C-alpha atoms as a PDB file:
ATOM      1  CA  MET A   1     -27.873  60.446 -29.330  1.00  0.00           C
ATOM      2  CA  SER A   2     -24.639  62.298 -28.919  1.00  0.00           C
ATOM      3  CA  SER A   3     -21.471  60.646 -30.157  1.00  0.00           C
ATOM      4  CA  ALA A   4     -20.075  61.578 -26.735  1.00  0.00           C
ATOM      5  CA  GLU A   5     -22.517  59.197 -25.023  1.00  0.00           C
ATOM      6  CA  VAL A   6     -20.645  56.979 -22.618  1.00  0.00           C
ATOM      7  CA  ILE A   7     -20.132  53.315 -23.493  1.00  0.00           C
ATOM      8  CA  ARG A   8     -20.101  51.071 -20.399  1.00  0.00           C
ATOM      9  CA  ILE A   9     -17.594  48.221 -20.642  1.00  0.00           C
ATOM     10  CA  LEU A  10     -17.460  45.465 -18.023  1.00  0.00           C
ATOM     11  CA  VAL A  11     -14.029  43.811 -17.718  1.00  0.00           C
ATOM     12  CA  VAL A  12     -13.629  40.575 -15.737  1.00  0.00           C
ATOM     13  CA  ASP A  13     -10.363  38.772 -15.028  1.00  0.00           C
ATOM     14  CA  ASP A  14      -9.119  36.923 -11.941  1.00  0.00           C
ATOM     15  CA  ASP A  15      -5.581  38.176 -12.590  1.00  0.00           C
ATOM     16  CA  GLU A  16      -5.601  41.585 -10.862  1.00  0.00           C
ATOM     17  CA  MET A  17      -2.587  42.820 -12.841  1.00  0.00           C
ATOM     18  CA  GLN A  18      -4.184  41.844 -16.155  1.00  0.00           C
ATOM     19  CA  LEU A  19      -7.501  43.382 -15.024  1.00  0.00           C
ATOM     20  CA  SER A  20      -5.817  46.682 -14.185  1.00  0.00           C
ATOM     21  CA  LEU A  21      -3.805  46.705 -17.410  1.00  0.00           C
ATOM     22  CA  ILE A  22      -6.833  46.006 -19.621  1.00  0.00           C
ATOM     23  CA  SER A  23      -9.010  48.537 -17.780  1.00  0.00           C
ATOM     24  CA  ARG A  24      -6.431  51.328 -18.087  1.00  0.00           C
ATOM     25  CA  TRP A  25      -5.762  50.402 -21.703  1.00  0.00           C
ATOM     26  CA  LEU A  26      -9.462  50.611 -22.556  1.00  0.00           C
ATOM     27  CA  GLN A  27      -9.838  53.993 -20.841  1.00  0.00           C
ATOM     28  CA  LYS A  28      -6.840  55.465 -22.665  1.00  0.00           C
ATOM     29  CA  LEU A  29      -6.512  53.753 -26.015  1.00  0.00           C
ATOM     30  CA  ILE A  30     -10.102  53.257 -27.073  1.00  0.00           C
ATOM     31  CA  ASN A  31     -10.380  57.061 -27.058  1.00  0.00           C
ATOM     32  CA  MET A  32     -14.152  56.852 -27.421  1.00  0.00           C
ATOM     33  CA  ASN A  33     -15.650  58.053 -24.104  1.00  0.00           C
ATOM     34  CA  VAL A  34     -15.913  54.794 -22.184  1.00  0.00           C
ATOM     35  CA  ASN A  35     -16.662  53.948 -18.574  1.00  0.00           C
ATOM     36  CA  VAL A  36     -14.867  50.780 -17.509  1.00  0.00           C
ATOM     37  CA  LEU A  37     -16.272  48.648 -14.690  1.00  0.00           C
ATOM     38  CA  ALA A  38     -13.726  46.081 -13.538  1.00  0.00           C
ATOM     39  CA  THR A  39     -13.960  43.075 -11.236  1.00  0.00           C
ATOM     40  CA  SER A  40     -12.118  39.829 -10.633  1.00  0.00           C
ATOM     41  CA  ASN A  41     -15.229  38.007  -9.396  1.00  0.00           C
ATOM     42  CA  VAL A  42     -17.720  36.386 -11.794  1.00  0.00           C
ATOM     43  CA  ASN A  43     -20.654  36.584  -9.365  1.00  0.00           C
ATOM     44  CA  GLN A  44     -19.995  40.285  -8.792  1.00  0.00           C
ATOM     45  CA  ALA A  45     -19.742  40.721 -12.562  1.00  0.00           C
ATOM     46  CA  ILE A  46     -23.139  39.063 -13.013  1.00  0.00           C
ATOM     47  CA  GLY A  47     -24.559  41.442 -10.401  1.00  0.00           C
ATOM     48  CA  LEU A  48     -23.053  44.443 -12.203  1.00  0.00           C
ATOM     49  CA  ALA A  49     -24.301  43.214 -15.562  1.00  0.00           C
ATOM     50  CA  LEU A  50     -27.830  42.775 -14.246  1.00  0.00           C
ATOM     51  CA  ALA A  51     -27.969  45.915 -12.051  1.00  0.00           C
ATOM     52  CA  LYS A  52     -26.337  48.341 -14.464  1.00  0.00           C
ATOM     53  CA  GLU A  53     -26.884  48.363 -18.128  1.00  0.00           C
ATOM     54  CA  ILE A  54     -23.568  47.417 -19.658  1.00  0.00           C
ATOM     55  CA  ASP A  55     -22.835  47.845 -23.319  1.00  0.00           C
ATOM     56  CA  ILE A  56     -19.945  45.426 -23.802  1.00  0.00           C
ATOM     57  CA  CYS A  57     -18.364  42.717 -21.648  1.00  0.00           C
ATOM     58  CA  LEU A  58     -14.756  41.576 -21.936  1.00  0.00           C
ATOM     59  CA  THR A  59     -14.153  38.557 -19.726  1.00  0.00           C
ATOM     60  CA  ASP A  60     -11.579  35.923 -18.982  1.00  0.00           C
ATOM     61  CA  LEU A  61     -12.826  32.423 -19.692  1.00  0.00           C
ATOM     62  CA  ASP A  62     -10.997  30.488 -16.969  1.00  0.00           C
ATOM     63  CA  MET A  63     -11.261  31.760 -13.385  1.00  0.00           C
ATOM     64  CA  PRO A  64     -10.951  29.878 -10.083  1.00  0.00           C
ATOM     65  CA  GLU A  65     -14.429  30.328  -8.585  1.00  0.00           C
ATOM     66  CA  SER A  66     -16.354  30.268 -11.844  1.00  0.00           C
ATOM     67  CA  ASN A  67     -15.900  30.966 -15.536  1.00  0.00           C
ATOM     68  CA  GLY A  68     -16.685  33.316 -18.366  1.00  0.00           C
ATOM     69  CA  ILE A  69     -19.297  30.945 -19.801  1.00  0.00           C
ATOM     70  CA  LYS A  70     -21.444  31.405 -16.677  1.00  0.00           C
ATOM     71  CA  LEU A  71     -21.190  35.186 -17.126  1.00  0.00           C
ATOM     72  CA  LEU A  72     -21.871  34.895 -20.863  1.00  0.00           C
ATOM     73  CA  LYS A  73     -25.054  32.891 -20.194  1.00  0.00           C
ATOM     74  CA  ALA A  74     -26.268  35.412 -17.586  1.00  0.00           C
ATOM     75  CA  ILE A  75     -25.678  38.359 -19.928  1.00  0.00           C
ATOM     76  CA  ARG A  76     -27.314  36.552 -22.856  1.00  0.00           C
ATOM     77  CA  GLU A  77     -30.379  35.898 -20.699  1.00  0.00           C
ATOM     78  CA  ALA A  78     -30.587  39.519 -19.509  1.00  0.00           C
ATOM     79  CA  ASN A  79     -29.737  41.207 -22.807  1.00  0.00           C
ATOM     80  CA  PRO A  80     -29.066  39.042 -25.863  1.00  0.00           C
ATOM     81  CA  LEU A  81     -27.654  41.990 -27.845  1.00  0.00           C
ATOM     82  CA  THR A  82     -24.793  42.818 -25.455  1.00  0.00           C
ATOM     83  CA  PRO A  83     -21.475  41.822 -27.040  1.00  0.00           C
ATOM     84  CA  VAL A  84     -19.481  39.447 -24.833  1.00  0.00           C
ATOM     85  CA  ILE A  85     -15.834  39.025 -25.760  1.00  0.00           C
ATOM     86  CA  LEU A  86     -13.959  36.135 -24.164  1.00  0.00           C
ATOM     87  CA  MET A  87     -10.219  35.811 -23.596  1.00  0.00           C
ATOM     88  CA  THR A  88      -8.202  32.896 -22.328  1.00  0.00           C
ATOM     89  CA  GLY A  89      -4.669  31.797 -21.638  1.00  0.00           C
ATOM     90  CA  LEU A  90      -5.730  28.138 -21.742  1.00  0.00           C
ATOM     91  CA  PRO A  91      -7.052  27.587 -25.259  1.00  0.00           C
ATOM     92  CA  SER A  92      -8.957  24.478 -26.191  1.00  0.00           C
ATOM     93  CA  ARG A  93     -11.177  23.541 -29.092  1.00  0.00           C
ATOM     94  CA  ASN A  94     -13.984  22.635 -26.689  1.00  0.00           C
ATOM     95  CA  ALA A  95     -13.800  26.040 -24.952  1.00  0.00           C
ATOM     96  CA  LEU A  96     -13.824  27.826 -28.282  1.00  0.00           C
ATOM     97  CA  GLU A  97     -16.832  25.866 -29.543  1.00  0.00           C
ATOM     98  CA  SER A  98     -18.721  26.308 -26.249  1.00  0.00           C
ATOM     99  CA  SER A  99     -18.027  30.043 -26.254  1.00  0.00           C
ATOM    100  CA  PHE A 100     -19.543  30.579 -29.659  1.00  0.00           C
ATOM    101  CA  ALA A 101     -22.364  28.098 -29.024  1.00  0.00           C
ATOM    102  CA  PHE A 102     -23.455  30.244 -26.059  1.00  0.00           C
ATOM    103  CA  GLY A 103     -23.216  33.452 -28.070  1.00  0.00           C
ATOM    104  CA  ALA A 104     -19.727  34.901 -27.610  1.00  0.00           C
ATOM    105  CA  SER A 105     -19.103  37.846 -29.915  1.00  0.00           C
ATOM    106  CA  ASP A 106     -15.358  37.297 -30.127  1.00  0.00           C
ATOM    107  CA  TYR A 107     -12.597  35.163 -28.600  1.00  0.00           C
ATOM    108  CA  PHE A 108      -8.975  36.125 -27.920  1.00  0.00           C
ATOM    109  CA  LEU A 109      -5.962  34.163 -26.740  1.00  0.00           C
ATOM    110  CA  LYS A 110      -3.608  35.487 -24.081  1.00  0.00           C
ATOM    111  CA  PRO A 111      -1.190  37.059 -24.304  1.00  0.00           C
ATOM    112  CA  LEU A 112      -3.569  39.476 -25.977  1.00  0.00           C
ATOM    113  CA  ASN A 113      -2.920  40.911 -29.390  1.00  0.00           C
ATOM    114  CA  TRP A 114      -3.776  44.513 -28.460  1.00  0.00           C
ATOM    115  CA  GLU A 115      -4.294  45.594 -32.059  1.00  0.00           C
ATOM    116  CA  ASP A 116      -6.856  42.841 -32.719  1.00  0.00           C
ATOM    117  CA  LEU A 117      -8.629  43.522 -29.423  1.00  0.00           C
ATOM    118  CA  LEU A 118      -8.748  47.247 -30.186  1.00  0.00           C
ATOM    119  CA  SER A 119     -10.232  46.495 -33.602  1.00  0.00           C
ATOM    120  CA  SER A 120     -12.910  44.265 -32.041  1.00  0.00           C
ATOM    121  CA  MET A 121     -13.769  46.809 -29.351  1.00  0.00           C
ATOM    122  CA  ARG A 122     -14.052  49.630 -31.888  1.00  0.00           C
ATOM    123  CA  PHE A 123     -16.264  47.463 -34.103  1.00  0.00           C
ATOM    124  CA  HIS A 124     -18.674  46.763 -31.224  1.00  0.00           C
ATOM    125  CA  ILE A 125     -18.644  50.384 -30.012  1.00  0.00           C
ATOM    126  CA  ASP A 126     -19.348  51.711 -33.519  1.00  0.00           C
ATOM    127  CA  ARG A 127     -22.118  49.150 -33.981  1.00  0.00           C
ATOM    128  CA  LEU A 128     -23.684  50.109 -30.663  1.00  0.00           C
ATOM    129  CA  ARG A 129     -23.549  53.816 -31.500  1.00  0.00           C
ATOM    130  CA  ARG A 130     -25.160  53.206 -34.903  1.00  0.00           C
ATOM    131  CA  PHE A 131     -27.902  51.166 -33.210  1.00  0.00           C
ATOM    132  CA  ARG A 132     -28.529  53.974 -30.713  1.00  0.00           C
ATOM    133  CA  LEU A 133     -28.781  56.483 -33.553  1.00  0.00           C
ATOM    134  CA  ASP A 134     -31.331  54.305 -35.339  1.00  0.00           C
ATOM    135  CA  PHE A 135     -33.276  53.462 -32.171  1.00  0.00           C
ATOM    136  CA  PRO A 136     -32.920  56.263 -29.574  1.00  0.00           C
ATOM    137  CA  LEU A 137     -33.848  55.110 -26.074  1.00  0.00           C
ATOM    138  CA  ASP A 138     -36.234  58.016 -25.452  1.00  0.00           C
ATOM    139  CA  GLN A 139     -38.095  57.167 -28.679  1.00  0.00           C
ATOM    140  CA  ILE A 140     -38.344  53.507 -27.661  1.00  0.00           C
ATOM    141  CA  ASN A 141     -39.582  54.526 -24.175  1.00  0.00           C
ATOM    142  CA  GLU A 142     -42.243  56.820 -25.691  1.00  0.00           C
ATOM    143  CA  GLU A 143     -43.475  54.109 -28.047  1.00  0.00           C
ATOM    144  CA  THR A 144     -43.512  51.518 -25.263  1.00  0.00           C
ATOM    145  CA  SER A 145     -45.463  53.721 -22.837  1.00  0.00           C
ATOM    146  CA  ALA A 146     -47.970  54.627 -25.570  1.00  0.00           C
ATOM    147  CA  HIS A 147     -48.845  50.926 -25.930  1.00  0.00           C
ATOM    148  CA  VAL A 148     -49.218  50.232 -22.209  1.00  0.00           C
END
């Protein structure tokens, strides 16, 4: 795997301004060859997560038509190894506990601490790249088809 391989990050937030800011920030500041998919709709996000292979999801927890927990559960069911990072402007102990109980990889309060978020994103990107080096997709596909 090339270190230039694109990392696909799904960003979900009902606040369009926040969504745009986070998406642009990820494209520019991560500086690690990422493709950002952004949506303000949880159901659309679930569709994107299931239709396209995403590598990392960064989602708001509290949204009008649904919530980040619903998205987290859908991603966990489809691919348990995909990191899902939750963020919220309405913190509660119950939300925090539920997030981690359903498999959240990280949890951030709004307003976001950009340095901490950057550190978390880099950690998950580096981890994903190391995993891909250890288990290249074409090698996994060859081994899988040999057993079929």
